[in-house]
Amino acid sequence: MIDEIYVFAFFILITGACIGSFLNVVALRALSKESIVFPSSKCPVCNTPIKWYDNIPIFSYFVLLRGRCRNCKEKISIQYPIVEFICAVLFLLIFMKYEFSWQTLFLMYFGASAIVKCLKEKGITRTPTAVRGFADRMGAREYVAEEDMGDM
């Protein structure tokens, strides 16, 4: 029989991937000042709305779409499944460490916020300010390249 903790871990993994998918939307639409609710997701090249079954985190990108828009066949950024995967693994690791606790919820929220912050700053600096600031506060400044530190 499957141990109860594995069922919860699987649920957390799936939830993390779904939240990662949503974080992609939040970051991209925040940059373009669009609503995070409406309209639904669309191909950035041909503007064709993405069907619900093409929006299944990680699975759709690799299995159903093979990294391309179903309509125009243009490549879809690998950022989407990477963020979904990172969020899923982050949530799973937090859950494995803290199980059911307030710390788990807080750390998942903090992790999701950090992911959005990094995504919003992507391309502005080589090391996002959020990461640099966090590294500085945690005493890990030496692990971030000095030329990326700016005037902190």
Protein backbone atom coordinates (compact mmCIF):
# COMPACT_ATOMS: atom_id res chain seq x y z
CA MET A 1 0.00 0.00 0.00
CA ILE A 2 1.20 3.52 -0.78
CA ASP A 3 2.36 5.42 2.25
CA GLU A 4 0.26 8.50 3.01
CA ILE A 5 3.27 10.84 2.93
CA TYR A 6 4.01 9.90 -0.69
CA VAL A 7 0.48 10.84 -1.73
CA PHE A 8 0.88 14.23 -0.06
CA ALA A 9 4.33 14.67 -1.61
CA PHE A 10 2.92 13.95 -5.07
CA PHE A 11 0.10 16.43 -4.43
CA ILE A 12 2.63 19.07 -3.30
CA LEU A 13 4.74 18.43 -6.42
CA ILE A 14 1.73 18.90 -8.72
CA THR A 15 0.57 21.96 -6.78
CA GLY A 16 4.06 23.47 -7.01
CA ALA A 17 4.13 22.96 -10.78
CA CYS A 18 0.70 24.60 -11.14
CA ILE A 19 1.75 27.53 -8.97
CA GLY A 20 4.95 27.81 -11.01
CA SER A 21 2.81 28.06 -14.13
CA PHE A 22 0.79 30.83 -12.52
CA LEU A 23 3.99 32.61 -11.42
CA ASN A 24 5.08 32.77 -15.06
CA VAL A 25 1.81 34.52 -15.88
CA VAL A 26 2.10 36.90 -12.92
CA ALA A 27 5.66 37.94 -13.81
CA LEU A 28 5.10 38.36 -17.54
CA ARG A 29 1.82 40.22 -17.22
CA ALA A 30 3.11 42.44 -14.43
CA LEU A 31 5.86 43.61 -16.77
CA SER A 32 3.36 44.42 -19.53
CA LYS A 33 0.79 45.89 -17.09
CA GLU A 34 -1.86 43.32 -18.11
CA SER A 35 -4.43 41.65 -15.86
CA ILE A 36 -3.31 38.31 -14.41
CA VAL A 37 -6.84 36.96 -14.76
CA PHE A 38 -8.12 38.00 -18.20
CA PRO A 39 -7.60 37.30 -21.05
CA SER A 40 -6.49 33.69 -20.95
CA SER A 41 -2.97 32.65 -21.98
CA LYS A 42 -2.03 33.11 -25.61
CA CYS A 43 0.89 32.44 -27.91
CA PRO A 44 3.21 35.47 -27.79
CA VAL A 45 3.81 35.19 -31.56
CA CYS A 46 0.42 34.48 -33.18
CA ASN A 47 -1.81 35.51 -30.21
CA THR A 48 -3.85 32.30 -30.49
CA PRO A 49 -5.46 31.44 -27.14
CA ILE A 50 -3.87 28.40 -25.51
CA LYS A 51 -6.28 25.52 -24.87
CA TRP A 52 -6.58 24.22 -21.32
CA TYR A 53 -4.97 20.89 -22.22
CA ASP A 54 -1.97 22.70 -23.67
CA ASN A 55 -1.53 24.51 -20.36
CA ILE A 56 -0.80 21.48 -18.15
CA PRO A 57 2.46 22.36 -16.38
CA ILE A 58 5.62 20.65 -17.70
CA PHE A 59 3.69 17.82 -19.40
CA SER A 60 2.13 19.93 -22.16
CA TYR A 61 5.39 21.63 -23.06
CA PHE A 62 7.39 18.43 -23.57
CA VAL A 63 4.77 15.82 -24.49
CA LEU A 64 1.89 17.58 -26.22
CA LEU A 65 3.52 20.63 -27.78
CA ARG A 66 7.18 19.62 -27.94
CA GLY A 67 8.11 23.20 -27.12
CA ARG A 68 6.16 24.79 -29.99
CA CYS A 69 2.87 26.62 -30.41
CA ARG A 70 0.17 24.28 -31.67
CA ASN A 71 -1.03 26.91 -34.16
CA CYS A 72 2.00 28.73 -35.60
CA LYS A 73 4.68 26.13 -34.66
CA GLU A 74 6.99 28.85 -33.26
CA LYS A 75 9.19 27.88 -30.31
CA ILE A 76 7.83 28.53 -26.83
CA SER A 77 10.38 29.72 -24.29
CA ILE A 78 11.93 26.99 -22.14
CA GLN A 79 11.46 29.39 -19.23
CA TYR A 80 7.91 28.12 -18.68
CA PRO A 81 8.65 24.48 -17.81
CA ILE A 82 11.86 25.45 -15.99
CA VAL A 83 9.98 27.78 -13.63
CA GLU A 84 7.25 25.16 -13.16
CA PHE A 85 9.85 22.51 -12.34
CA ILE A 86 11.82 24.76 -9.97
CA CYS A 87 8.66 25.72 -8.10
CA ALA A 88 7.50 22.09 -7.89
CA VAL A 89 10.85 20.89 -6.54
CA LEU A 90 11.12 23.85 -4.15
CA PHE A 91 7.66 23.13 -2.74
CA LEU A 92 8.47 19.44 -2.42
CA LEU A 93 11.75 20.10 -0.61
CA ILE A 94 10.07 22.52 1.78
CA PHE A 95 7.31 20.00 2.45
CA MET A 96 9.80 17.19 3.03
CA LYS A 97 11.68 19.32 5.57
CA TYR A 98 8.77 20.91 7.47
CA GLU A 99 5.78 18.68 6.59
CA PHE A 100 2.48 20.21 7.72
CA SER A 101 3.33 23.47 9.49
CA TRP A 102 3.03 27.22 9.30
CA GLN A 103 6.68 27.33 8.30
CA THR A 104 5.84 25.26 5.23
CA LEU A 105 3.20 27.75 4.09
CA PHE A 106 5.42 30.73 4.85
CA LEU A 107 8.44 29.28 3.02
CA MET A 108 6.33 28.29 0.01
CA TYR A 109 4.92 31.81 -0.15
CA PHE A 110 8.40 33.32 0.27
CA GLY A 111 9.83 31.00 -2.40
CA ALA A 112 7.04 31.82 -4.85
CA SER A 113 7.53 35.54 -4.22
CA ALA A 114 11.26 35.23 -4.84
CA ILE A 115 10.63 33.38 -8.10
CA VAL A 116 8.29 36.13 -9.33
CA LYS A 117 10.78 38.81 -8.32
CA CYS A 118 13.57 37.04 -10.20
CA LEU A 119 11.39 36.55 -13.28
CA LYS A 120 10.37 40.20 -13.33
CA GLU A 121 14.03 41.26 -13.21
CA LYS A 122 15.17 38.73 -15.82
CA GLY A 123 17.34 40.42 -18.39
CA ILE A 124 17.86 43.60 -16.38
CA THR A 125 20.91 42.34 -14.48
CA ARG A 126 22.85 39.13 -14.70
CA THR A 127 22.09 38.36 -11.07
CA PRO A 128 18.63 39.64 -10.12
CA THR A 129 18.56 42.28 -7.39
CA ALA A 130 16.30 40.06 -5.27
CA VAL A 131 18.94 37.32 -5.27
CA ARG A 132 21.76 39.79 -4.63
CA GLY A 133 19.90 41.42 -1.75
CA PHE A 134 18.97 38.09 -0.23
CA ALA A 135 22.56 36.83 -0.54
CA ASP A 136 23.83 40.01 1.08
CA ARG A 137 21.40 39.75 4.01
CA MET A 138 22.23 36.09 4.53
CA GLY A 139 25.97 36.79 4.62
CA ALA A 140 26.55 35.01 1.32
CA ARG A 141 27.77 38.04 -0.60
CA GLU A 142 30.97 36.24 -1.60
CA TYR A 143 28.94 33.69 -3.61
CA VAL A 144 27.59 36.34 -5.96
CA ALA A 145 29.98 37.87 -8.47
CA GLU A 146 31.25 41.30 -7.34
CA GLU A 147 30.58 42.94 -10.70
CA ASP A 148 26.92 41.95 -10.32
CA MET A 149 26.60 43.45 -6.86
CA GLY A 150 26.15 47.02 -8.09
CA ASP A 151 25.89 49.66 -5.38
CA MET A 152 24.27 47.68 -2.60
